[in-house]
Amino acid sequence: DASTYQTVPHWNTPGELMLDHKPDRTCIYLGEHGCTIHERKPLMCQQMDCRNIARRLTFTQAAPTRD
């Protein structure tokens, strides 16, 4: 249920939502000690571990290109 999360329209997929980001482009739910919603993370986070992307790409490559 997307209404239980802070979301924004996906920057590259019209009609889809994604978790919002902080001004530095990290996930809105990323806290000092990791994911702050780990116990109730959405299906997209359960199916895709964004840490794997971060390990393969630089921050600039992984960050959304919207602005």
N, C-alpha and C. Protein backbone atom coordinates (compact mmCIF):
# COMPACT_ATOMS: atom_id res chain seq x y z
N ASP A 1 0.85 -1.18 0.00
CA ASP A 1 0.00 0.00 0.00
C ASP A 1 0.89 1.24 0.00
N ALA A 2 1.02 1.86 -1.14
CA ALA A 2 1.90 3.01 -1.29
C ALA A 2 1.53 4.17 -0.37
N SER A 3 0.28 4.23 0.06
CA SER A 3 -0.13 5.36 0.91
C SER A 3 0.52 5.30 2.30
N THR A 4 1.13 4.21 2.65
CA THR A 4 1.77 4.10 3.96
C THR A 4 3.24 4.54 3.91
N TYR A 5 3.71 4.96 2.73
CA TYR A 5 5.08 5.40 2.56
C TYR A 5 5.11 6.80 1.95
N GLN A 6 6.21 7.48 2.13
CA GLN A 6 6.40 8.77 1.49
C GLN A 6 6.93 8.50 0.09
N THR A 7 6.10 8.77 -0.92
CA THR A 7 6.46 8.47 -2.30
C THR A 7 6.38 9.71 -3.18
N VAL A 8 6.95 9.57 -4.35
CA VAL A 8 6.89 10.59 -5.40
C VAL A 8 6.70 9.86 -6.72
N PRO A 9 6.25 10.55 -7.76
CA PRO A 9 6.18 9.90 -9.07
C PRO A 9 7.57 9.44 -9.52
N HIS A 10 7.61 8.26 -10.12
CA HIS A 10 8.89 7.74 -10.61
C HIS A 10 9.39 8.65 -11.72
N TRP A 11 10.66 8.98 -11.68
CA TRP A 11 11.23 9.93 -12.63
C TRP A 11 11.32 9.39 -14.05
N ASN A 12 11.25 8.06 -14.22
CA ASN A 12 11.45 7.48 -15.54
C ASN A 12 10.31 6.57 -15.99
N THR A 13 9.35 6.32 -15.12
CA THR A 13 8.26 5.42 -15.45
C THR A 13 6.93 6.10 -15.13
N PRO A 14 6.31 6.72 -16.12
CA PRO A 14 5.04 7.43 -15.89
C PRO A 14 3.99 6.52 -15.24
N GLY A 15 3.29 7.08 -14.26
CA GLY A 15 2.23 6.33 -13.59
C GLY A 15 2.70 5.48 -12.43
N GLU A 16 4.00 5.37 -12.24
CA GLU A 16 4.55 4.56 -11.15
C GLU A 16 5.08 5.47 -10.04
N LEU A 17 5.12 4.93 -8.85
CA LEU A 17 5.66 5.66 -7.70
C LEU A 17 6.97 5.05 -7.25
N MET A 18 7.75 5.85 -6.57
CA MET A 18 8.97 5.36 -5.93
C MET A 18 9.09 6.04 -4.58
N LEU A 19 9.89 5.47 -3.70
CA LEU A 19 10.12 6.10 -2.42
C LEU A 19 10.78 7.45 -2.64
N ASP A 20 10.40 8.40 -1.82
CA ASP A 20 10.97 9.74 -1.93
C ASP A 20 12.44 9.71 -1.54
N HIS A 21 13.14 10.78 -1.85
CA HIS A 21 14.56 10.91 -1.54
C HIS A 21 14.81 12.20 -0.77
N LYS A 22 15.85 12.19 0.01
CA LYS A 22 16.31 13.39 0.71
C LYS A 22 16.99 14.31 -0.29
N PRO A 23 17.28 15.56 0.08
CA PRO A 23 17.97 16.46 -0.85
C PRO A 23 19.30 15.91 -1.37
N ASP A 24 19.96 15.06 -0.59
CA ASP A 24 21.23 14.47 -1.06
C ASP A 24 21.00 13.23 -1.93
N ARG A 25 19.73 12.95 -2.21
CA ARG A 25 19.28 11.86 -3.09
C ARG A 25 19.36 10.47 -2.48
N THR A 26 19.60 10.37 -1.19
CA THR A 26 19.51 9.08 -0.54
C THR A 26 18.05 8.82 -0.19
N CYS A 27 17.72 7.59 0.05
CA CYS A 27 16.35 7.20 0.37
C CYS A 27 15.85 7.97 1.60
N ILE A 28 14.62 8.41 1.55
CA ILE A 28 14.01 9.14 2.65
C ILE A 28 14.01 8.33 3.94
N TYR A 29 14.05 7.02 3.82
CA TYR A 29 14.02 6.14 4.98
C TYR A 29 15.39 5.64 5.41
N LEU A 30 16.44 6.19 4.82
CA LEU A 30 17.78 5.81 5.22
C LEU A 30 18.19 6.65 6.42
N GLY A 31 18.44 5.99 7.53
CA GLY A 31 18.84 6.67 8.75
C GLY A 31 20.31 6.47 9.04
N GLU A 32 20.75 6.99 10.15
CA GLU A 32 22.16 6.90 10.53
C GLU A 32 22.64 5.46 10.64
N HIS A 33 21.74 4.56 11.01
CA HIS A 33 22.12 3.15 11.19
C HIS A 33 21.47 2.22 10.17
N GLY A 34 21.10 2.76 9.01
CA GLY A 34 20.50 1.94 7.96
C GLY A 34 19.03 2.26 7.76
N CYS A 35 18.31 1.29 7.23
CA CYS A 35 16.90 1.45 6.89
C CYS A 35 16.05 1.64 8.15
N THR A 36 15.25 2.70 8.15
CA THR A 36 14.42 3.00 9.32
C THR A 36 13.05 2.31 9.26
N ILE A 37 12.76 1.68 8.13
CA ILE A 37 11.47 0.97 7.98
C ILE A 37 11.68 -0.49 7.64
N HIS A 38 12.82 -1.03 8.00
CA HIS A 38 13.19 -2.39 7.63
C HIS A 38 12.08 -3.40 7.95
N GLU A 39 11.45 -3.28 9.10
CA GLU A 39 10.43 -4.24 9.52
C GLU A 39 9.18 -4.18 8.64
N ARG A 40 8.94 -3.06 8.00
CA ARG A 40 7.74 -2.90 7.16
C ARG A 40 8.09 -2.41 5.75
N LYS A 41 9.28 -2.75 5.30
CA LYS A 41 9.73 -2.26 4.00
C LYS A 41 8.81 -2.72 2.88
N PRO A 42 8.65 -1.89 1.85
CA PRO A 42 7.76 -2.24 0.74
C PRO A 42 8.32 -3.40 -0.10
N LEU A 43 7.45 -3.98 -0.88
CA LEU A 43 7.81 -5.12 -1.71
C LEU A 43 9.01 -4.82 -2.59
N MET A 44 9.08 -3.61 -3.16
CA MET A 44 10.21 -3.28 -4.03
C MET A 44 11.53 -3.39 -3.28
N CYS A 45 11.54 -3.06 -2.00
CA CYS A 45 12.76 -3.16 -1.20
C CYS A 45 13.05 -4.61 -0.82
N GLN A 46 12.01 -5.40 -0.69
CA GLN A 46 12.20 -6.81 -0.38
C GLN A 46 12.79 -7.55 -1.58
N GLN A 47 12.38 -7.15 -2.78
CA GLN A 47 12.81 -7.84 -3.98
C GLN A 47 14.15 -7.34 -4.53
N MET A 48 14.50 -6.11 -4.23
CA MET A 48 15.73 -5.53 -4.76
C MET A 48 16.50 -4.88 -3.61
N ASP A 49 17.69 -5.31 -3.41
CA ASP A 49 18.54 -4.74 -2.37
C ASP A 49 19.35 -3.61 -2.99
N CYS A 50 18.98 -2.37 -2.68
CA CYS A 50 19.65 -1.22 -3.31
C CYS A 50 21.13 -1.15 -2.95
N ARG A 51 21.54 -1.84 -1.89
CA ARG A 51 22.97 -1.86 -1.55
C ARG A 51 23.78 -2.53 -2.66
N ASN A 52 23.18 -3.51 -3.35
CA ASN A 52 23.89 -4.17 -4.45
C ASN A 52 24.15 -3.19 -5.59
N ILE A 53 23.20 -2.32 -5.86
CA ILE A 53 23.40 -1.30 -6.89
C ILE A 53 24.51 -0.36 -6.46
N ALA A 54 24.45 0.08 -5.21
CA ALA A 54 25.45 1.02 -4.71
C ALA A 54 26.85 0.44 -4.77
N ARG A 55 26.98 -0.85 -4.60
CA ARG A 55 28.31 -1.47 -4.66
C ARG A 55 28.88 -1.48 -6.08
N ARG A 56 28.01 -1.50 -7.06
CA ARG A 56 28.45 -1.60 -8.47
C ARG A 56 28.59 -0.24 -9.14
N LEU A 57 27.84 0.75 -8.67
CA LEU A 57 27.82 2.05 -9.32
C LEU A 57 28.35 3.14 -8.40
N THR A 58 28.82 4.21 -9.00
CA THR A 58 29.17 5.36 -8.19
C THR A 58 27.87 6.03 -7.75
N PHE A 59 27.94 6.89 -6.77
CA PHE A 59 26.75 7.59 -6.29
C PHE A 59 26.08 8.36 -7.43
N THR A 60 26.88 9.02 -8.25
CA THR A 60 26.34 9.81 -9.35
C THR A 60 25.59 8.92 -10.34
N GLN A 61 26.11 7.75 -10.63
CA GLN A 61 25.45 6.84 -11.56
C GLN A 61 24.15 6.31 -10.97
N ALA A 62 24.13 6.03 -9.69
CA ALA A 62 22.96 5.44 -9.05
C ALA A 62 21.87 6.46 -8.73
N ALA A 63 22.23 7.71 -8.59
CA ALA A 63 21.26 8.74 -8.22
C ALA A 63 20.29 9.01 -9.37
N PRO A 64 19.05 9.32 -9.04
CA PRO A 64 18.10 9.67 -10.10
C PRO A 64 18.59 10.87 -10.90
N THR A 65 18.25 10.91 -12.16
CA THR A 65 18.73 11.98 -13.02
C THR A 65 17.73 13.12 -13.17
N ARG A 66 16.71 13.14 -12.34
CA ARG A 66 15.72 14.23 -12.43
C ARG A 66 16.25 15.45 -11.70
N ASP A 67 15.93 16.62 -12.17
CA ASP A 67 16.21 17.91 -11.53
C ASP A 67 15.65 19.02 -12.35
